């Protein structure tokens, strides 16, 4: 899955920052993943209509992992992955700075 995530970042950036063509994006996927041509076309078309989606997904993922590590370090034995996930999921779609505040409040409350 990391291979696909890496390719998504490259193609997302290639299309929107480097002005790659649709065909260049498809070719990149075909040369760097085991996906079918149909799947590669779908991914590129998704990038075209949703700029920076792959990039924002990865940034969010990294932030969640960073805040989980912060929570584990701060709480030690009191850290409960289920509680952490509850905070993550119940907050819904929020900006990352608000999400970090929610995690800081969770840590302080424990």
PDB file of N, CA and C in Angstrom:
ATOM      1  N   UNK A   1       0.819  -1.198   0.000  1.00  0.00           N
ATOM      2  CA  UNK A   1       0.000   0.000   0.000  1.00  0.00           C
ATOM      3  C   UNK A   1       0.863   1.262   0.000  1.00  0.00           C
ATOM      4  N   UNK A   2       2.021   1.197   0.626  1.00  0.00           N
ATOM      5  CA  UNK A   2       2.897   2.377   0.622  1.00  0.00           C
ATOM      6  C   UNK A   2       3.380   2.704  -0.787  1.00  0.00           C
ATOM      7  N   UNK A   3       3.574   1.670  -1.614  1.00  0.00           N
ATOM      8  CA  UNK A   3       3.954   1.900  -3.007  1.00  0.00           C
ATOM      9  C   UNK A   3       2.877   2.726  -3.713  1.00  0.00           C
ATOM     10  N   UNK A   4       1.629   2.358  -3.518  1.00  0.00           N
ATOM     11  CA  UNK A   4       0.537   3.089  -4.153  1.00  0.00           C
ATOM     12  C   UNK A   4       0.437   4.512  -3.610  1.00  0.00           C
ATOM     13  N   UNK A   5       0.608   4.668  -2.299  1.00  0.00           N
ATOM     14  CA  UNK A   5       0.558   6.014  -1.716  1.00  0.00           C
ATOM     15  C   UNK A   5       1.673   6.892  -2.265  1.00  0.00           C
ATOM     16  N   UNK A   6       2.858   6.317  -2.414  1.00  0.00           N
ATOM     17  CA  UNK A   6       3.980   7.076  -2.968  1.00  0.00           C
ATOM     18  C   UNK A   6       3.691   7.481  -4.410  1.00  0.00           C
ATOM     19  N   UNK A   7       3.161   6.564  -5.187  1.00  0.00           N
ATOM     20  CA  UNK A   7       2.829   6.877  -6.580  1.00  0.00           C
ATOM     21  C   UNK A   7       1.732   7.940  -6.649  1.00  0.00           C
ATOM     22  N   UNK A   8       0.775   7.859  -5.756  1.00  0.00           N
ATOM     23  CA  UNK A   8      -0.283   8.878  -5.740  1.00  0.00           C
ATOM     24  C   UNK A   8       0.296  10.263  -5.489  1.00  0.00           C
ATOM     25  N   UNK A   9       1.254  10.340  -4.566  1.00  0.00           N
ATOM     26  CA  UNK A   9       1.885  11.641  -4.286  1.00  0.00           C
ATOM     27  C   UNK A   9       2.627  12.163  -5.515  1.00  0.00           C
ATOM     28  N   UNK A  10       3.341  11.275  -6.199  1.00  0.00           N
ATOM     29  CA  UNK A  10       4.096  11.681  -7.383  1.00  0.00           C
ATOM     30  C   UNK A  10       3.149  12.158  -8.481  1.00  0.00           C
ATOM     31  N   UNK A  11       2.118  11.388  -8.760  1.00  0.00           N
ATOM     32  CA  UNK A  11       1.215  11.735  -9.854  1.00  0.00           C
ATOM     33  C   UNK A  11       0.382  12.967  -9.508  1.00  0.00           C
ATOM     34  N   UNK A  12      -0.099  13.059  -8.281  1.00  0.00           N
ATOM     35  CA  UNK A  12      -0.857  14.239  -7.846  1.00  0.00           C
ATOM     36  C   UNK A  12      -0.016  15.502  -8.051  1.00  0.00           C
ATOM     37  N   UNK A  13       1.227  15.455  -7.594  1.00  0.00           N
ATOM     38  CA  UNK A  13       2.143  16.585  -7.756  1.00  0.00           C
ATOM     39  C   UNK A  13       2.494  16.798  -9.223  1.00  0.00           C
ATOM     40  N   UNK A  14       2.731  15.718  -9.943  1.00  0.00           N
ATOM     41  CA  UNK A  14       3.075  15.824 -11.367  1.00  0.00           C
ATOM     42  C   UNK A  14       1.987  16.531 -12.165  1.00  0.00           C
ATOM     43  N   UNK A  15       0.751  16.153 -11.924  1.00  0.00           N
ATOM     44  CA  UNK A  15      -0.356  16.744 -12.680  1.00  0.00           C
ATOM     45  C   UNK A  15      -0.570  18.212 -12.313  1.00  0.00           C
ATOM     46  N   UNK A  16      -0.550  18.518 -11.031  1.00  0.00           N
ATOM     47  CA  UNK A  16      -0.942  19.860 -10.618  1.00  0.00           C
ATOM     48  C   UNK A  16       0.203  20.849 -10.461  1.00  0.00           C
ATOM     49  N   UNK A  17       1.396  20.383 -10.173  1.00  0.00           N
ATOM     50  CA  UNK A  17       2.523  21.310 -10.017  1.00  0.00           C
ATOM     51  C   UNK A  17       3.445  21.291 -11.239  1.00  0.00           C
ATOM     52  N   UNK A  18       3.600  20.120 -11.833  1.00  0.00           N
ATOM     53  CA  UNK A  18       4.506  19.982 -12.978  1.00  0.00           C
ATOM     54  C   UNK A  18       3.770  20.023 -14.316  1.00  0.00           C
ATOM     55  N   UNK A  19       2.444  20.107 -14.244  1.00  0.00           N
ATOM     56  CA  UNK A  19       1.588  20.185 -15.441  1.00  0.00           C
ATOM     57  C   UNK A  19       1.712  18.962 -16.364  1.00  0.00           C
ATOM     58  N   UNK A  20       1.808  17.773 -15.714  1.00  0.00           N
ATOM     59  CA  UNK A  20       1.808  16.551 -16.501  1.00  0.00           C
ATOM     60  C   UNK A  20       0.485  16.425 -17.232  1.00  0.00           C
ATOM     61  N   UNK A  21       0.520  15.716 -18.349  1.00  0.00           N
ATOM     62  CA  UNK A  21      -0.709  15.383 -19.059  1.00  0.00           C
ATOM     63  C   UNK A  21      -1.347  14.160 -18.403  1.00  0.00           C
ATOM     64  N   UNK A  22      -2.575  13.925 -18.745  1.00  0.00           N
ATOM     65  CA  UNK A  22      -3.289  12.733 -18.282  1.00  0.00           C
ATOM     66  C   UNK A  22      -2.492  11.480 -18.647  1.00  0.00           C
ATOM     67  N   UNK A  23      -1.985  11.455 -19.871  1.00  0.00           N
ATOM     68  CA  UNK A  23      -1.252  10.298 -20.358  1.00  0.00           C
ATOM     69  C   UNK A  23       0.054  10.088 -19.586  1.00  0.00           C
ATOM     70  N   UNK A  24       0.725  11.157 -19.214  1.00  0.00           N
ATOM     71  CA  UNK A  24       1.955  11.022 -18.427  1.00  0.00           C
ATOM     72  C   UNK A  24       1.652  10.414 -17.057  1.00  0.00           C
ATOM     73  N   UNK A  25       0.551  10.814 -16.454  1.00  0.00           N
ATOM     74  CA  UNK A  25       0.159  10.240 -15.174  1.00  0.00           C
ATOM     75  C   UNK A  25      -0.156   8.760 -15.288  1.00  0.00           C
ATOM     76  N   UNK A  26      -0.896   8.410 -16.321  1.00  0.00           N
ATOM     77  CA  UNK A  26      -1.244   6.997 -16.546  1.00  0.00           C
ATOM     78  C   UNK A  26       0.020   6.173 -16.763  1.00  0.00           C
ATOM     79  N   UNK A  27       0.922   6.686 -17.578  1.00  0.00           N
ATOM     80  CA  UNK A  27       2.178   5.981 -17.846  1.00  0.00           C
ATOM     81  C   UNK A  27       2.970   5.771 -16.569  1.00  0.00           C
ATOM     82  N   UNK A  28       3.019   6.803 -15.709  1.00  0.00           N
ATOM     83  CA  UNK A  28       3.757   6.664 -14.449  1.00  0.00           C
ATOM     84  C   UNK A  28       3.172   5.528 -13.610  1.00  0.00           C
ATOM     85  N   UNK A  29       1.851   5.494 -13.475  1.00  0.00           N
ATOM     86  CA  UNK A  29       1.228   4.402 -12.715  1.00  0.00           C
ATOM     87  C   UNK A  29       1.525   3.039 -13.342  1.00  0.00           C
ATOM     88  N   UNK A  30       1.393   2.952 -14.648  1.00  0.00           N
ATOM     89  CA  UNK A  30       1.622   1.671 -15.321  1.00  0.00           C
ATOM     90  C   UNK A  30       3.053   1.180 -15.126  1.00  0.00           C
ATOM     91  N   UNK A  31       4.010   2.104 -15.112  1.00  0.00           N
ATOM     92  CA  UNK A  31       5.415   1.715 -14.975  1.00  0.00           C
ATOM     93  C   UNK A  31       5.829   1.440 -13.533  1.00  0.00           C
ATOM     94  N   UNK A  32       5.047   1.917 -12.567  1.00  0.00           N
ATOM     95  CA  UNK A  32       5.486   1.831 -11.176  1.00  0.00           C
ATOM     96  C   UNK A  32       4.548   1.084 -10.233  1.00  0.00           C
ATOM     97  N   UNK A  33       3.458   0.573 -10.750  1.00  0.00           N
ATOM     98  CA  UNK A  33       2.550  -0.233  -9.930  1.00  0.00           C
ATOM     99  C   UNK A  33       2.124  -1.466 -10.728  1.00  0.00           C
ATOM    100  N   UNK A  34       1.618  -2.464 -10.042  1.00  0.00           N
ATOM    101  CA  UNK A  34       1.120  -3.648 -10.745  1.00  0.00           C
ATOM    102  C   UNK A  34      -0.338  -3.505 -11.195  1.00  0.00           C
ATOM    103  N   UNK A  35      -0.902  -2.303 -11.090  1.00  0.00           N
ATOM    104  CA  UNK A  35      -2.312  -2.086 -11.426  1.00  0.00           C
ATOM    105  C   UNK A  35      -2.586  -2.259 -12.914  1.00  0.00           C
ATOM    106  N   UNK A  36      -3.842  -2.524 -13.215  1.00  0.00           N
ATOM    107  CA  UNK A  36      -4.282  -2.616 -14.605  1.00  0.00           C
ATOM    108  C   UNK A  36      -4.355  -1.215 -15.209  1.00  0.00           C
ATOM    109  N   UNK A  37      -4.397  -1.159 -16.520  1.00  0.00           N
ATOM    110  CA  UNK A  37      -4.497   0.147 -17.182  1.00  0.00           C
ATOM    111  C   UNK A  37      -5.789   0.855 -16.771  1.00  0.00           C
ATOM    112  N   UNK A  38      -6.856   0.110 -16.665  1.00  0.00           N
ATOM    113  CA  UNK A  38      -8.144   0.706 -16.260  1.00  0.00           C
ATOM    114  C   UNK A  38      -8.043   1.354 -14.873  1.00  0.00           C
ATOM    115  N   UNK A  39      -7.416   0.663 -13.941  1.00  0.00           N
ATOM    116  CA  UNK A  39      -7.251   1.215 -12.595  1.00  0.00           C
ATOM    117  C   UNK A  39      -6.363   2.457 -12.613  1.00  0.00           C
ATOM    118  N   UNK A  40      -5.325   2.438 -13.431  1.00  0.00           N
ATOM    119  CA  UNK A  40      -4.429   3.594 -13.537  1.00  0.00           C
ATOM    120  C   UNK A  40      -5.159   4.800 -14.110  1.00  0.00           C
ATOM    121  N   UNK A  41      -5.984   4.575 -15.100  1.00  0.00           N
ATOM    122  CA  UNK A  41      -6.780   5.662 -15.691  1.00  0.00           C
ATOM    123  C   UNK A  41      -7.704   6.253 -14.637  1.00  0.00           C
ATOM    124  N   UNK A  42      -8.375   5.405 -13.869  1.00  0.00           N
ATOM    125  CA  UNK A  42      -9.284   5.893 -12.817  1.00  0.00           C
ATOM    126  C   UNK A  42      -8.544   6.734 -11.788  1.00  0.00           C
ATOM    127  N   UNK A  43      -7.351   6.284 -11.392  1.00  0.00           N
ATOM    128  CA  UNK A  43      -6.584   7.034 -10.401  1.00  0.00           C
ATOM    129  C   UNK A  43      -6.186   8.404 -10.939  1.00  0.00           C
ATOM    130  N   UNK A  44      -5.725   8.457 -12.166  1.00  0.00           N
ATOM    131  CA  UNK A  44      -5.317   9.731 -12.750  1.00  0.00           C
ATOM    132  C   UNK A  44      -6.523  10.659 -12.887  1.00  0.00           C
ATOM    133  N   UNK A  45      -7.634  10.137 -13.308  1.00  0.00           N
ATOM    134  CA  UNK A  45      -8.829  10.975 -13.436  1.00  0.00           C
ATOM    135  C   UNK A  45      -9.287  11.492 -12.075  1.00  0.00           C
ATOM    136  N   UNK A  46      -9.107  10.698 -11.057  1.00  0.00           N
ATOM    137  CA  UNK A  46      -9.409  11.144  -9.700  1.00  0.00           C
ATOM    138  C   UNK A  46      -8.486  12.297  -9.291  1.00  0.00           C
ATOM    139  N   UNK A  47      -7.200  12.172  -9.618  1.00  0.00           N
ATOM    140  CA  UNK A  47      -6.264  13.259  -9.314  1.00  0.00           C
ATOM    141  C   UNK A  47      -6.645  14.536 -10.053  1.00  0.00           C
ATOM    142  N   UNK A  48      -7.074  14.396 -11.279  1.00  0.00           N
ATOM    143  CA  UNK A  48      -7.409  15.566 -12.090  1.00  0.00           C
ATOM    144  C   UNK A  48      -8.556  16.356 -11.464  1.00  0.00           C
ATOM    145  N   UNK A  49      -9.568  15.664 -10.968  1.00  0.00           N
ATOM    146  CA  UNK A  49     -10.737  16.370 -10.423  1.00  0.00           C
ATOM    147  C   UNK A  49     -10.632  16.682  -8.939  1.00  0.00           C
ATOM    148  N   UNK A  50      -9.642  16.108  -8.263  1.00  0.00           N
ATOM    149  CA  UNK A  50      -9.475  16.353  -6.824  1.00  0.00           C
ATOM    150  C   UNK A  50      -8.027  16.743  -6.530  1.00  0.00           C
ATOM    151  N   UNK A  51      -7.621  17.948  -6.910  1.00  0.00           N
ATOM    152  CA  UNK A  51      -6.231  18.357  -6.687  1.00  0.00           C
ATOM    153  C   UNK A  51      -5.816  18.237  -5.225  1.00  0.00           C
ATOM    154  N   UNK A  52      -4.627  17.739  -5.009  1.00  0.00           N
ATOM    155  CA  UNK A  52      -3.984  17.624  -3.697  1.00  0.00           C
ATOM    156  C   UNK A  52      -4.661  16.634  -2.752  1.00  0.00           C
ATOM    157  N   UNK A  53      -5.598  15.847  -3.234  1.00  0.00           N
ATOM    158  CA  UNK A  53      -6.263  14.882  -2.368  1.00  0.00           C
ATOM    159  C   UNK A  53      -5.264  13.868  -1.827  1.00  0.00           C
ATOM    160  N   UNK A  54      -4.395  13.357  -2.674  1.00  0.00           N
ATOM    161  CA  UNK A  54      -3.408  12.372  -2.231  1.00  0.00           C
ATOM    162  C   UNK A  54      -2.429  12.995  -1.236  1.00  0.00           C
ATOM    163  N   UNK A  55      -2.041  14.217  -1.500  1.00  0.00           N
ATOM    164  CA  UNK A  55      -1.110  14.914  -0.616  1.00  0.00           C
ATOM    165  C   UNK A  55      -1.753  15.190   0.734  1.00  0.00           C
ATOM    166  N   UNK A  56      -2.975  15.675   0.726  1.00  0.00           N
ATOM    167  CA  UNK A  56      -3.639  15.980   1.996  1.00  0.00           C
ATOM    168  C   UNK A  56      -3.916  14.713   2.800  1.00  0.00           C
ATOM    169  N   UNK A  57      -4.242  13.622   2.120  1.00  0.00           N
ATOM    170  CA  UNK A  57      -4.448  12.345   2.800  1.00  0.00           C
ATOM    171  C   UNK A  57      -3.175  11.939   3.543  1.00  0.00           C
ATOM    172  N   UNK A  58      -2.039  12.032   2.854  1.00  0.00           N
ATOM    173  CA  UNK A  58      -0.769  11.606   3.468  1.00  0.00           C
ATOM    174  C   UNK A  58      -0.383  12.524   4.621  1.00  0.00           C
ATOM    175  N   UNK A  59      -0.586  13.819   4.470  1.00  0.00           N
ATOM    176  CA  UNK A  59      -0.280  14.758   5.553  1.00  0.00           C
ATOM    177  C   UNK A  59      -1.148  14.451   6.772  1.00  0.00           C
ATOM    178  N   UNK A  60      -2.427  14.179   6.551  1.00  0.00           N
ATOM    179  CA  UNK A  60      -3.321  13.818   7.651  1.00  0.00           C
ATOM    180  C   UNK A  60      -2.900  12.530   8.329  1.00  0.00           C
ATOM    181  N   UNK A  61      -2.528  11.546   7.537  1.00  0.00           N
ATOM    182  CA  UNK A  61      -2.072  10.267   8.084  1.00  0.00           C
ATOM    183  C   UNK A  61      -0.842  10.463   8.972  1.00  0.00           C
ATOM    184  N   UNK A  62       0.114  11.237   8.475  1.00  0.00           N
ATOM    185  CA  UNK A  62       1.337  11.487   9.246  1.00  0.00           C
ATOM    186  C   UNK A  62       1.033  12.239  10.539  1.00  0.00           C
ATOM    187  N   UNK A  63       0.087  13.167  10.495  1.00  0.00           N
ATOM    188  CA  UNK A  63      -0.280  13.932  11.685  1.00  0.00           C
ATOM    189  C   UNK A  63      -0.934  13.016  12.723  1.00  0.00           C
ATOM    190  N   UNK A  64      -1.816  12.142  12.291  1.00  0.00           N
ATOM    191  CA  UNK A  64      -2.462  11.209  13.211  1.00  0.00           C
ATOM    192  C   UNK A  64      -1.418  10.309  13.870  1.00  0.00           C
ATOM    193  N   UNK A  65      -0.492   9.789  13.089  1.00  0.00           N
ATOM    194  CA  UNK A  65       0.563   8.934  13.651  1.00  0.00           C
ATOM    195  C   UNK A  65       1.430   9.706  14.638  1.00  0.00           C
ATOM    196  N   UNK A  66       1.746  10.951  14.310  1.00  0.00           N
ATOM    197  CA  UNK A  66       2.547  11.786  15.204  1.00  0.00           C
ATOM    198  C   UNK A  66       1.814  12.050  16.525  1.00  0.00           C
ATOM    199  N   UNK A  67       0.525  12.336  16.443  1.00  0.00           N
ATOM    200  CA  UNK A  67      -0.245  12.612  17.660  1.00  0.00           C
ATOM    201  C   UNK A  67      -0.488  11.344  18.480  1.00  0.00           C
ATOM    202  N   UNK A  68      -0.563  10.206  17.821  1.00  0.00           N
ATOM    203  CA  UNK A  68      -0.672   8.945  18.559  1.00  0.00           C
ATOM    204  C   UNK A  68       0.610   8.700  19.344  1.00  0.00           C
ATOM    205  N   UNK A  69       1.750   8.939  18.703  1.00  0.00           N
ATOM    206  CA  UNK A  69       3.042   8.782  19.387  1.00  0.00           C
ATOM    207  C   UNK A  69       3.134   9.752  20.564  1.00  0.00           C
ATOM    208  N   UNK A  70       2.720  10.992  20.347  1.00  0.00           N
ATOM    209  CA  UNK A  70       2.733  11.996  21.416  1.00  0.00           C
ATOM    210  C   UNK A  70       1.860  11.543  22.586  1.00  0.00           C
ATOM    211  N   UNK A  71       0.683  11.011  22.281  1.00  0.00           N
ATOM    212  CA  UNK A  71      -0.236  10.532  23.314  1.00  0.00           C
ATOM    213  C   UNK A  71       0.360   9.368  24.084  1.00  0.00           C
ATOM    214  N   UNK A  72       0.975   8.428  23.380  1.00  0.00           N
ATOM    215  CA  UNK A  72       1.605   7.282  24.033  1.00  0.00           C
ATOM    216  C   UNK A  72       2.712   7.724  24.975  1.00  0.00           C
ATOM    217  N   UNK A  73       3.520   8.660  24.505  1.00  0.00           N
ATOM    218  CA  UNK A  73       4.628   9.137  25.338  1.00  0.00           C
ATOM    219  C   UNK A  73       4.114   9.889  26.561  1.00  0.00           C
ATOM    220  N   UNK A  74       3.089  10.704  26.369  1.00  0.00           N
ATOM    221  CA  UNK A  74       2.573  11.507  27.476  1.00  0.00           C
ATOM    222  C   UNK A  74       1.821  10.659  28.499  1.00  0.00           C
ATOM    223  N   UNK A  75       1.090   9.672  28.023  1.00  0.00           N
ATOM    224  CA  UNK A  75       0.221   8.906  28.916  1.00  0.00           C
ATOM    225  C   UNK A  75       0.838   7.601  29.415  1.00  0.00           C
ATOM    226  N   UNK A  76       1.841   7.113  28.743  1.00  0.00           N
ATOM    227  CA  UNK A  76       2.475   5.865  29.176  1.00  0.00           C
ATOM    228  C   UNK A  76       1.468   4.734  29.311  1.00  0.00           C
ATOM    229  N   UNK A  77       1.402   4.124  30.491  1.00  0.00           N
ATOM    230  CA  UNK A  77       0.504   2.995  30.748  1.00  0.00           C
ATOM    231  C   UNK A  77      -0.970   3.374  30.642  1.00  0.00           C
ATOM    232  N   UNK A  78      -1.287   4.645  30.795  1.00  0.00           N
ATOM    233  CA  UNK A  78      -2.680   5.097  30.715  1.00  0.00           C
ATOM    234  C   UNK A  78      -3.184   5.223  29.277  1.00  0.00           C
ATOM    235  N   UNK A  79      -2.274   5.130  28.317  1.00  0.00           N
ATOM    236  CA  UNK A  79      -2.681   5.251  26.915  1.00  0.00           C
ATOM    237  C   UNK A  79      -3.562   4.072  26.535  1.00  0.00           C
ATOM    238  N   UNK A  80      -4.700   4.370  25.934  1.00  0.00           N
ATOM    239  CA  UNK A  80      -5.636   3.348  25.460  1.00  0.00           C
ATOM    240  C   UNK A  80      -5.942   3.662  23.997  1.00  0.00           C
ATOM    241  N   UNK A  81      -5.527   2.767  23.101  1.00  0.00           N
ATOM    242  CA  UNK A  81      -5.705   3.004  21.669  1.00  0.00           C
ATOM    243  C   UNK A  81      -7.174   3.185  21.307  1.00  0.00           C
ATOM    244  N   UNK A  82      -8.068   2.512  22.036  1.00  0.00           N
ATOM    245  CA  UNK A  82      -9.511   2.654  21.750  1.00  0.00           C
ATOM    246  C   UNK A  82      -9.991   4.055  22.069  1.00  0.00           C
ATOM    247  N   UNK A  83      -9.519   4.609  23.171  1.00  0.00           N
ATOM    248  CA  UNK A  83      -9.888   5.984  23.522  1.00  0.00           C
ATOM    249  C   UNK A  83      -9.314   6.971  22.509  1.00  0.00           C
ATOM    250  N   UNK A  84      -8.066   6.736  22.117  1.00  0.00           N
ATOM    251  CA  UNK A  84      -7.441   7.606  21.118  1.00  0.00           C
ATOM    252  C   UNK A  84      -8.258   7.578  19.830  1.00  0.00           C
ATOM    253  N   UNK A  85      -8.627   6.393  19.380  1.00  0.00           N
ATOM    254  CA  UNK A  85      -9.426   6.268  18.156  1.00  0.00           C
ATOM    255  C   UNK A  85     -10.785   6.949  18.310  1.00  0.00           C
ATOM    256  N   UNK A  86     -11.355   6.888  19.488  1.00  0.00           N
ATOM    257  CA  UNK A  86     -12.631   7.559  19.734  1.00  0.00           C
ATOM    258  C   UNK A  86     -12.491   9.067  19.527  1.00  0.00           C
ATOM    259  N   UNK A  87     -11.410   9.639  20.027  1.00  0.00           N
ATOM    260  CA  UNK A  87     -11.170  11.074  19.835  1.00  0.00           C
ATOM    261  C   UNK A  87     -10.990  11.373  18.349  1.00  0.00           C
ATOM    262  N   UNK A  88     -10.212  10.548  17.682  1.00  0.00           N
ATOM    263  CA  UNK A  88      -9.957  10.749  16.247  1.00  0.00           C
ATOM    264  C   UNK A  88     -11.257  10.687  15.456  1.00  0.00           C
ATOM    265  N   UNK A  89     -12.032   9.655  15.673  1.00  0.00           N
ATOM    266  CA  UNK A  89     -13.218   9.435  14.860  1.00  0.00           C
ATOM    267  C   UNK A  89     -14.390  10.340  15.235  1.00  0.00           C
ATOM    268  N   UNK A  90     -14.537  10.629  16.511  1.00  0.00           N
ATOM    269  CA  UNK A  90     -15.697  11.434  16.931  1.00  0.00           C
ATOM    270  C   UNK A  90     -15.524  12.910  16.597  1.00  0.00           C
ATOM    271  N   UNK A  91     -14.299  13.342  16.349  1.00  0.00           N
ATOM    272  CA  UNK A  91     -14.092  14.750  16.013  1.00  0.00           C
ATOM    273  C   UNK A  91     -14.496  15.060  14.588  1.00  0.00           C
ATOM    274  N   UNK A  92     -14.629  14.044  13.750  1.00  0.00           N
ATOM    275  CA  UNK A  92     -15.035  14.277  12.361  1.00  0.00           C
ATOM    276  C   UNK A  92     -13.947  14.977  11.574  1.00  0.00           C
ATOM    277  N   UNK A  93     -14.358  15.625  10.494  1.00  0.00           N
ATOM    278  CA  UNK A  93     -13.416  16.327   9.623  1.00  0.00           C
ATOM    279  C   UNK A  93     -13.146  17.720  10.199  1.00  0.00           C
ATOM    280  N   UNK A  94     -11.982  17.877  10.786  1.00  0.00           N
ATOM    281  CA  UNK A  94     -11.593  19.162  11.362  1.00  0.00           C
ATOM    282  C   UNK A  94     -10.189  19.520  10.861  1.00  0.00           C
ATOM    283  N   UNK A  95      -9.865  20.805  10.844  1.00  0.00           N
ATOM    284  CA  UNK A  95      -8.495  21.187  10.478  1.00  0.00           C
ATOM    285  C   UNK A  95      -7.488  20.548  11.436  1.00  0.00           C
ATOM    286  N   UNK A  96      -6.295  20.307  10.954  1.00  0.00           N
ATOM    287  CA  UNK A  96      -5.297  19.598  11.756  1.00  0.00           C
ATOM    288  C   UNK A  96      -4.926  20.327  13.039  1.00  0.00           C
ATOM    289  N   UNK A  97      -4.940  21.659  13.039  1.00  0.00           N
ATOM    290  CA  UNK A  97      -4.616  22.373  14.277  1.00  0.00           C
ATOM    291  C   UNK A  97      -5.708  22.171  15.331  1.00  0.00           C
ATOM    292  N   UNK A  98      -6.954  22.075  14.904  1.00  0.00           N
ATOM    293  CA  UNK A  98      -8.062  21.797  15.830  1.00  0.00           C
ATOM    294  C   UNK A  98      -7.955  20.355  16.326  1.00  0.00           C
ATOM    295  N   UNK A  99      -7.631  19.457  15.432  1.00  0.00           N
ATOM    296  CA  UNK A  99      -7.453  18.052  15.805  1.00  0.00           C
ATOM    297  C   UNK A  99      -6.361  17.918  16.856  1.00  0.00           C
ATOM    298  N   UNK A 100      -5.267  18.631  16.680  1.00  0.00           N
ATOM    299  CA  UNK A 100      -4.189  18.578  17.661  1.00  0.00           C
ATOM    300  C   UNK A 100      -4.661  19.119  19.013  1.00  0.00           C
ATOM    301  N   UNK A 101      -5.463  20.161  19.006  1.00  0.00           N
ATOM    302  CA  UNK A 101      -6.013  20.694  20.258  1.00  0.00           C
ATOM    303  C   UNK A 101      -6.882  19.650  20.952  1.00  0.00           C
ATOM    304  N   UNK A 102      -7.684  18.925  20.178  1.00  0.00           N
ATOM    305  CA  UNK A 102      -8.538  17.877  20.750  1.00  0.00           C
ATOM    306  C   UNK A 102      -7.693  16.777  21.400  1.00  0.00           C
ATOM    307  N   UNK A 103      -6.598  16.417  20.757  1.00  0.00           N
ATOM    308  CA  UNK A 103      -5.720  15.392  21.323  1.00  0.00           C
ATOM    309  C   UNK A 103      -5.040  15.926  22.578  1.00  0.00           C
ATOM    310  N   UNK A 104      -4.625  17.184  22.557  1.00  0.00           N
ATOM    311  CA  UNK A 104      -4.016  17.780  23.747  1.00  0.00           C
ATOM    312  C   UNK A 104      -5.025  17.801  24.920  1.00  0.00           C
ATOM    313  N   UNK A 105      -6.278  18.075  24.615  1.00  0.00           N
ATOM    314  CA  UNK A 105      -7.317  18.053  25.650  1.00  0.00           C
ATOM    315  C   UNK A 105      -7.538  16.642  26.181  1.00  0.00           C
ATOM    316  N   UNK A 106      -7.496  15.657  25.282  1.00  0.00           N
ATOM    317  CA  UNK A 106      -7.621  14.247  25.687  1.00  0.00           C
ATOM    318  C   UNK A 106      -6.488  13.877  26.635  1.00  0.00           C
ATOM    319  N   UNK A 107      -5.254  14.275  26.281  1.00  0.00           N
ATOM    320  CA  UNK A 107      -4.097  13.980  27.134  1.00  0.00           C
ATOM    321  C   UNK A 107      -4.253  14.647  28.497  1.00  0.00           C
ATOM    322  N   UNK A 108      -4.630  15.909  28.482  1.00  0.00           N
ATOM    323  CA  UNK A 108      -4.778  16.664  29.747  1.00  0.00           C
ATOM    324  C   UNK A 108      -5.873  16.065  30.634  1.00  0.00           C
ATOM    325  N   UNK A 109      -6.943  15.582  30.011  1.00  0.00           N
ATOM    326  CA  UNK A 109      -8.061  15.011  30.777  1.00  0.00           C
ATOM    327  C   UNK A 109      -7.690  13.678  31.433  1.00  0.00           C
ATOM    328  N   UNK A 110      -6.755  12.950  30.830  1.00  0.00           N
ATOM    329  CA  UNK A 110      -6.325  11.650  31.378  1.00  0.00           C
ATOM    330  C   UNK A 110      -5.424  11.892  32.581  1.00  0.00           C
TER     331      UNK A 110
END
